[in-house]
Protein backbone atom coordinates (compact mmCIF):
# COMPACT_ATOMS: atom_id res chain seq x y z
CA MET A 1 0.13 -0.19 -0.07
CA SER A 2 1.17 3.45 -1.00
CA THR A 3 1.56 6.42 1.33
CA THR A 4 -1.11 8.47 -0.52
CA GLU A 5 -3.44 5.30 0.00
CA ALA A 6 -2.89 5.00 3.55
CA THR A 7 -3.33 8.74 4.64
CA THR A 8 -6.57 8.93 2.71
CA ARG A 9 -8.50 6.04 4.00
CA PRO A 10 -11.19 7.19 5.69
CA ARG A 11 -11.49 6.58 9.42
CA ARG A 12 -13.83 4.40 11.22
CA PRO A 13 -16.67 6.48 12.80
CA ARG A 14 -15.93 6.36 16.59
CA ASP A 15 -18.20 4.54 18.69
CA PRO A 16 -19.87 6.66 21.02
CA TYR A 17 -21.05 3.70 23.34
CA LEU A 18 -17.92 3.95 25.58
CA ASP A 19 -17.89 7.78 25.39
CA ASN A 20 -21.46 7.33 26.80
CA ALA A 21 -20.45 5.01 29.92
CA ARG A 22 -17.56 7.80 30.38
CA GLY A 23 -20.02 10.33 30.28
CA LEU A 24 -21.90 9.00 32.83
CA LEU A 25 -18.99 8.22 35.17
CA ILE A 26 -17.38 11.43 34.92
CA ALA A 27 -20.84 13.20 35.83
CA LEU A 28 -20.72 10.85 39.03
CA VAL A 29 -17.01 11.62 39.93
CA VAL A 30 -18.24 15.42 40.05
CA VAL A 31 -21.02 14.36 41.79
CA GLY A 32 -19.41 12.47 44.34
CA HIS A 33 -16.43 14.89 45.04
CA THR A 34 -19.22 17.74 45.11
CA ILE A 35 -21.13 15.84 47.82
CA GLU A 36 -17.57 15.39 49.57
CA CYS A 37 -16.62 18.83 49.46
CA PHE A 38 -20.07 20.36 50.52
CA GLU A 39 -20.15 17.86 53.62
CA ASN A 40 -23.39 16.53 52.26
CA THR A 41 -22.30 13.09 53.57
CA ALA A 42 -23.48 13.66 56.74
CA ASP A 43 -27.02 13.91 55.45
CA VAL A 44 -28.57 10.46 55.17
CA LEU A 45 -29.00 11.01 51.28
CA GLY A 46 -25.67 12.61 50.75
CA GLY A 47 -24.05 9.74 52.78
CA THR A 48 -26.41 7.03 50.96
CA LEU A 49 -25.73 8.53 47.39
CA TYR A 50 -21.64 9.14 48.27
CA THR A 51 -21.43 5.73 49.24
CA ALA A 52 -23.20 4.13 46.34
CA ILE A 53 -21.21 6.39 43.97
CA TYR A 54 -17.77 5.44 44.88
CA SER A 55 -18.74 1.62 45.37
CA PHE A 56 -18.57 0.97 41.66
CA HIS A 57 -17.90 4.50 39.96
CA MET A 58 -13.93 4.25 39.69
CA ALA A 59 -13.85 0.54 39.21
CA ALA A 60 -16.00 1.12 35.94
CA PHE A 61 -13.75 3.84 34.69
CA ILE A 62 -10.71 1.82 35.40
CA MET A 63 -12.09 -1.19 33.55
CA ILE A 64 -12.85 0.94 30.76
CA SER A 65 -9.34 2.28 30.51
CA GLY A 66 -8.13 -1.40 30.61
CA TYR A 67 -10.13 -2.32 27.30
CA LEU A 68 -8.80 1.00 25.45
CA SER A 69 -5.32 -0.02 26.46
CA ARG A 70 -5.30 -3.42 24.94
CA SER A 71 -3.32 -1.92 21.83
CA TYR A 72 -0.82 -0.63 24.11
CA ARG A 73 2.91 -1.58 23.21
CA ASN A 74 4.85 1.33 24.44
CA GLU A 75 5.58 2.55 20.87
CA PRO A 76 6.82 5.85 20.11
CA ARG A 77 3.30 7.77 19.11
CA GLN A 78 1.89 5.60 22.74
CA VAL A 79 4.87 7.16 24.82
CA ARG A 80 3.78 10.46 23.51
CA ARG A 81 0.45 10.36 24.50
CA LEU A 82 1.18 8.97 27.47
CA LEU A 83 3.22 12.14 28.47
CA THR A 84 0.78 14.38 26.90
CA ALA A 85 -2.19 13.20 28.37
CA MET A 86 -0.77 11.91 31.90
CA VAL A 87 2.66 12.98 33.08
CA VAL A 88 2.81 16.45 32.01
CA PRO A 89 -0.78 17.36 32.96
CA TYR A 90 -0.10 15.52 36.63
CA VAL A 91 2.80 18.13 37.40
CA ILE A 92 1.14 21.04 36.10
CA PHE A 93 -2.31 20.35 38.14
CA GLN A 94 -0.29 19.48 41.20
CA MET A 95 1.47 22.35 41.10
CA VAL A 96 -2.16 23.98 40.80
CA HIS A 97 -3.59 22.01 43.91
CA GLU A 98 -0.76 23.00 45.90
CA THR A 99 -0.78 26.64 44.99
CA GLY A 100 -4.36 26.65 45.68
CA LYS A 101 -4.03 25.16 48.96
CA ALA A 102 -1.26 27.43 50.09
CA LEU A 103 -3.23 30.55 49.12
CA LEU A 104 -6.55 29.06 50.83
CA LEU A 105 -4.72 27.77 53.85
CA GLY A 106 -2.28 30.42 54.14
CA SER A 107 0.67 27.85 54.36
CA GLU A 108 3.76 27.60 52.46
CA PHE A 109 3.93 26.30 49.16
CA GLU A 110 5.10 22.91 48.89
CA LEU A 111 5.44 20.81 45.90
CA GLN A 112 5.14 16.99 46.37
CA LEU A 113 5.80 15.41 43.44
CA LEU A 114 5.62 11.80 45.26
CA LEU A 115 2.22 12.38 46.72
CA PRO A 116 -0.58 12.67 44.29
CA ALA A 117 -2.99 15.64 45.37
CA TRP A 118 -6.68 14.51 45.85
CA THR A 119 -7.90 13.30 42.52
CA LEU A 120 -4.57 13.13 40.95
CA TRP A 121 -3.95 9.48 41.88
CA PHE A 122 -5.73 8.31 38.67
CA LEU A 123 -2.97 9.69 36.36
CA VAL A 124 -0.18 8.12 38.30
CA ALA A 125 -1.81 4.71 38.52
CA LEU A 126 -3.05 4.59 35.16
CA LEU A 127 0.33 5.42 33.93
CA GLY A 128 1.59 2.81 35.71
CA TRP A 129 -1.40 0.26 34.63
CA ARG A 130 -0.32 1.26 31.16
CA LEU A 131 3.26 0.70 31.15
CA LEU A 132 2.62 -2.48 32.52
CA THR A 133 0.28 -3.52 29.79
CA PRO A 134 2.59 -5.60 27.82
CA VAL A 135 4.02 -7.47 30.64
CA LEU A 136 0.19 -8.27 31.87
CA ARG A 137 -0.60 -9.30 28.49
CA GLN A 138 2.12 -12.14 28.51
CA LEU A 139 0.81 -13.95 31.64
CA LYS A 140 -1.33 -17.06 31.38
CA HIS A 141 -4.08 -16.08 34.02
CA PRO A 142 -3.44 -12.13 34.67
CA LEU A 143 -6.85 -11.96 36.22
CA MET A 144 -6.02 -14.34 38.90
CA PHE A 145 -2.41 -12.74 39.12
CA ALA A 146 -4.13 -8.96 39.81
CA VAL A 147 -6.88 -10.49 42.34
CA ALA A 148 -3.86 -12.20 44.43
CA ILE A 149 -2.28 -8.38 44.03
CA SER A 150 -5.12 -7.01 45.33
CA VAL A 151 -5.52 -9.31 48.61
CA ILE A 152 -2.23 -9.64 49.48
CA ALA A 153 -0.76 -5.87 48.76
CA PRO A 154 -2.65 -4.42 51.74
CA LEU A 155 -0.74 -6.77 54.48
CA ASP A 156 1.64 -4.15 54.29
CA PRO A 157 0.72 -1.94 56.78
CA ASP A 158 2.65 1.36 55.20
CA LEU A 159 0.96 0.87 51.83
CA GLY A 160 0.20 4.24 50.94
CA SER A 161 -0.58 7.43 48.64
CA VAL A 162 2.85 7.60 47.38
CA LEU A 163 2.47 7.54 44.10
CA SER A 164 -0.62 5.92 44.15
CA VAL A 165 0.98 2.39 44.79
CA GLY A 166 -1.88 1.33 47.06
CA ARG A 167 -4.66 2.01 44.47
CA LEU A 168 -2.40 0.98 41.93
CA ALA A 169 -2.20 -2.71 43.50
CA GLU A 170 -5.39 -2.83 44.95
CA MET A 171 -7.16 -1.76 41.91
CA LEU A 172 -5.49 -3.62 39.29
CA PRO A 173 -7.95 -6.35 38.99
CA PHE A 174 -10.26 -3.54 37.46
CA PHE A 175 -7.96 -2.63 34.77
CA VAL A 176 -7.06 -6.51 34.00
CA LEU A 177 -10.47 -7.24 33.62
CA GLY A 178 -10.76 -4.69 31.00
CA LEU A 179 -7.34 -5.66 29.52
CA ILE A 180 -8.57 -9.27 28.74
CA ALA A 181 -11.99 -8.27 27.71
CA THR A 182 -12.85 -8.64 23.66
CA PRO A 183 -14.82 -6.84 21.16
CA GLU A 184 -17.05 -9.42 21.22
CA MET A 185 -17.42 -9.70 24.85
CA LEU A 186 -18.48 -6.22 24.58
CA GLU A 187 -20.82 -6.64 21.74
CA ARG A 188 -22.64 -9.04 24.11
CA VAL A 189 -23.22 -6.77 26.86
CA LYS A 190 -24.56 -4.00 24.26
CA ALA A 191 -26.78 -6.34 22.60
CA PHE A 192 -28.02 -7.78 25.98
CA ARG A 193 -31.90 -7.30 26.16
CA HIS A 194 -32.71 -7.21 29.62
CA ARG A 195 -31.01 -3.53 30.18
CA TRP A 196 -33.25 -2.85 32.99
CA LEU A 197 -31.24 -5.72 35.08
CA GLY A 198 -28.44 -2.72 35.20
CA GLY A 199 -30.82 -0.37 36.64
CA ALA A 200 -31.91 -2.68 39.31
CA VAL A 201 -28.46 -3.12 40.22
CA LEU A 202 -27.63 0.48 40.56
CA LEU A 203 -30.80 0.77 42.67
CA ALA A 204 -29.69 -2.07 45.07
CA ALA A 205 -26.67 -0.62 45.41
CA VAL A 206 -28.36 2.66 46.90
CA ALA A 207 -30.34 0.71 48.71
CA VAL A 208 -27.66 -1.47 50.52
CA ALA A 209 -25.58 1.79 50.95
CA TYR A 210 -28.57 3.35 52.99
CA LEU A 211 -28.87 0.00 55.01
CA VAL A 212 -25.08 -0.65 55.87
CA ASP A 213 -24.53 3.39 56.09
CA ASP A 214 -23.42 3.29 59.63
CA ARG A 215 -21.93 0.04 59.67
CA VAL A 216 -19.65 -0.02 56.59
CA PRO A 217 -17.03 2.79 56.05
CA THR A 218 -16.92 4.50 52.52
CA SER A 219 -12.91 4.43 53.02
CA ILE A 220 -13.05 0.35 52.07
CA PHE A 221 -13.93 1.14 48.79
CA TYR A 222 -11.02 3.55 48.20
CA LEU A 223 -8.76 0.81 47.78
CA ARG A 224 -5.69 2.44 48.56
CA SER A 225 -4.34 1.54 52.16
CA GLY A 226 -3.31 -1.83 54.63
CA TYR A 227 -6.03 -3.75 56.08
CA GLU A 228 -7.19 -2.31 59.47
CA ASP A 229 -5.90 -3.69 62.53
CA ASP A 230 -9.42 -3.89 64.25
CA ARG A 231 -10.23 -6.60 61.57
CA GLY A 232 -9.46 -10.07 61.49
CA LEU A 233 -7.01 -10.95 58.49
CA LEU A 234 -9.10 -13.45 57.25
CA LEU A 235 -12.38 -10.93 57.30
CA SER A 236 -10.14 -8.17 56.12
CA MET A 237 -9.29 -10.32 53.05
CA LEU A 238 -13.39 -11.53 52.37
CA LEU A 239 -14.12 -7.63 52.26
CA GLN A 240 -11.40 -6.77 49.58
CA VAL A 241 -12.87 -9.71 47.53
CA MET A 242 -16.39 -8.43 48.17
CA VAL A 243 -15.19 -4.97 47.18
CA LEU A 244 -13.84 -5.90 44.01
CA LEU A 245 -17.25 -8.09 43.34
CA ALA A 246 -19.02 -4.85 43.66
CA GLY A 247 -17.03 -2.81 41.47
CA VAL A 248 -17.45 -5.36 38.93
CA ALA A 249 -21.32 -5.84 39.54
CA GLY A 250 -21.60 -1.89 39.42
CA SER A 251 -19.60 -1.63 36.38
CA LEU A 252 -21.62 -4.09 34.27
CA ALA A 253 -24.79 -2.06 35.44
CA ILE A 254 -23.52 1.20 34.15
CA LEU A 255 -22.66 -0.75 30.87
CA LEU A 256 -26.15 -2.10 30.32
CA VAL A 257 -27.97 1.62 30.93
CA THR A 258 -25.65 3.31 28.87
CA PRO A 259 -27.45 4.83 25.50
CA ARG A 260 -25.84 2.82 22.64
CA GLY A 261 -25.77 5.80 20.17
CA ARG A 262 -25.03 9.50 20.56
CA SER A 263 -26.43 11.44 23.44
CA PRO A 264 -25.61 14.54 25.45
CA LEU A 265 -23.41 12.10 27.63
CA THR A 266 -20.67 11.60 24.60
CA ALA A 267 -19.27 15.04 24.70
CA MET A 268 -18.72 14.59 28.44
CA GLY A 269 -17.04 11.24 27.74
CA GLU A 270 -15.10 12.46 24.99
CA ARG A 271 -13.76 15.55 27.21
CA SER A 272 -13.91 13.23 30.39
CA LEU A 273 -10.13 14.05 31.21
CA THR A 274 -10.53 17.45 30.93
CA ILE A 275 -13.63 17.35 33.39
CA TYR A 276 -11.64 15.02 35.49
CA LEU A 277 -8.71 17.79 35.75
CA LEU A 278 -10.58 21.10 35.94
CA HIS A 279 -13.64 20.37 38.37
CA PRO A 280 -11.36 19.43 41.28
CA VAL A 281 -9.51 22.94 41.05
CA LEU A 282 -13.02 24.33 40.91
CA LEU A 283 -14.02 22.79 44.11
CA LEU A 284 -10.72 23.57 46.04
CA PRO A 285 -12.18 26.60 47.81
CA ILE A 286 -14.88 24.78 49.47
CA ARG A 287 -12.60 22.01 50.11
CA TYR A 288 -10.45 24.26 52.06
CA ALA A 289 -13.34 26.36 53.38
CA GLU A 290 -13.30 26.87 57.12
CA GLU A 291 -17.41 26.69 57.68
CA LEU A 292 -20.11 25.94 55.53
CA PRO A 293 -23.82 26.85 55.64
CA GLU A 294 -25.69 24.35 57.88
CA TRP A 295 -28.68 24.12 55.21
CA LEU A 296 -26.32 21.93 53.18
CA VAL A 297 -26.80 19.39 55.25
CA SER A 298 -30.22 18.39 54.54
CA TRP A 299 -31.91 16.36 51.80
CA TRP A 300 -32.83 19.38 49.72
CA GLY A 301 -29.13 21.02 50.23
CA THR A 302 -27.79 17.20 48.69
CA LEU A 303 -30.24 17.41 45.76
CA GLY A 304 -29.06 21.04 45.20
CA MET A 305 -25.43 19.97 45.26
CA VAL A 306 -26.11 17.19 42.71
CA ALA A 307 -27.99 19.43 40.08
CA ALA A 308 -25.11 22.08 40.67
CA ALA A 309 -22.46 19.16 40.09
CA LEU A 310 -24.16 18.00 36.95
CA LEU A 311 -24.45 21.53 35.71
CA LEU A 312 -20.63 21.97 36.36
CA THR A 313 -20.05 18.90 34.32
CA ALA A 314 -22.10 19.71 31.39
CA ILE A 315 -19.99 23.53 31.33
CA LEU A 316 -16.73 21.53 31.47
CA SER A 317 -17.54 19.55 28.49
CA THR A 318 -17.97 22.36 26.37
CA THR A 319 -15.83 22.85 23.38
CA VAL A 320 -15.06 26.55 24.36
CA VAL A 321 -13.71 25.26 27.84
CA GLY A 322 -11.72 22.33 26.15
CA ARG A 323 -10.21 24.88 23.55
CA VAL A 324 -9.38 27.40 26.28
CA THR A 325 -8.01 24.76 28.36
CA SER A 326 -6.19 22.36 26.23
CA TRP A 327 -2.44 23.99 26.79
CA LEU A 328 -3.06 22.50 30.75
CA THR A 329 -5.10 19.26 29.90
CA ASP A 330 -3.39 18.37 26.77
CA PRO A 331 -0.13 20.40 26.12
CA PRO A 332 1.22 19.63 22.57
CA ILE A 333 4.79 18.92 23.76
CA GLY A 334 5.41 15.45 23.14
CA ASP A 335 7.37 15.56 20.13
CA LEU A 336 9.63 17.56 22.26
CA LEU A 337 9.84 14.71 24.68
CA VAL A 338 9.83 11.80 22.80
CA ARG A 339 11.88 11.39 19.16
CA SER A 340 9.89 9.69 16.52
CA GLN A 341 10.92 6.44 15.08
CA ASP A 342 12.74 8.38 12.42
CA ASP A 343 15.00 9.87 14.84
CA GLY A 344 17.16 6.68 15.79
CA PRO A 345 20.63 6.16 15.12
CA ARG A 346 20.94 4.81 11.71
CA GLU A 347 22.77 1.65 11.34
CA PRO A 348 26.00 1.79 9.12
CA ARG A 349 25.79 0.49 5.67
CA PRO A 350 27.38 -2.67 4.91
CA THR A 351 30.77 -2.09 2.98
CA ALA A 352 32.74 -4.44 0.70
CA ALA A 353 36.13 -5.55 1.13
CA ASN A 354 37.37 -2.94 -0.38
CA GLY A 355 35.49 -0.24 1.90
CA ILE A 356 32.97 0.68 -1.02
CA PRO A 357 29.22 0.32 -0.25
CA PRO A 358 27.34 -2.11 -2.62
CA ARG A 359 24.97 -0.86 -4.76
CA THR A 360 21.22 -1.20 -3.93
C-alpha cells in the first residue's frame, strides 16, 4: 500500500457507546466530589449516594481504561500520548493544587510530586497500569494474578498513597478485567436485551448503601491502604474480595444502562479527562473552606449540590472550555519529549572488502 493510500483511507466512525459510559461516570465523579466537599455526606441522602457512587464508579472507569489499553505496546506515539495526557498534566495540576492549598490555607507552597493531590492519583495509577500492560498480556492468568496482588498487597501496613502504589495494586483487577475483555464480549453486553437489570443493580447499590451507612465506612471502597488492625485477617481479605465484586457488578450495570447511540453524554465522555482535571480546581475553595452553611446538611441541600455538580460537568464538557484549557489538560509537547521512529540512530551501510558500499 502506498503512503497516499494509507493517508487517504477514511477513518472508522467513533463508537459513542464507551464515550457515553465515560460521560455517565465522569458525571458521577463530579457529583461524588461535590457531595464530599460540601460535607453532604453527613446527611442521610448525601451519605447514601456517596457510598453507592464510590462502590463502583472508579472501578468502571478503570475497566474501560483497561479495555482501551489493549493495543498498548510502548510505541513512540503511545509514549508521546502518555506524556501529553498524563505525566505533564499531572505535574501541572499538582502545582495548581499545591498553590491553591497554600493560598487558601495561608501556608507555604510545598510541591510534592510523589504524593498525588486529591484526585490526581488516577493519572499516576493509570500511567503505571499502561506501562505494565505489555507484561500483563504475557501472563497465562492475568486476572488471577491481579486479584492475588489486590488481596495480598494490603497486608503491608505501610501501603499508602505515595505514587498511588496502594490504589495501583488494589485496583489492578479492574484494569486487567478490561484488558482481557474482547470486542465480542462488549458487543454481547451492548446486545443484552434485559437492560433494566442494570438499573435494578444500581438501585440495589443505593439501597445497600442506605442499610449499611452506619456499619461500613465508605473508605473501604477507596482501595488505597493496608488492612485495618481491628478486623481479623480473613475478614479483611473477604471484604476486599467483596469490594472487588461490588465494583465489577456496578460496572456491568453502568454498561447496561449506557445509551448505545450519540447522546448528551457523548461529549462528556470525549472530554472526560478535561472534566476530571478541571473540576477539582474549581472545588478547592469549598474543600478548604473553614465553615459551610448548615442548610447544606439536608436532603434538599444534597439535591441542590447534585444538580450543581451535573451543571458543572455539562459546562466543563463544552467545546469552548476544552479549547481554552487544552494547553493545560493536553499540552502539545510530545514531539519535544519523545523522538519519532525516524529519529533513532541509523545503522551503518554494509561495505565490501574494498571499503566501497555495495549498490542497492
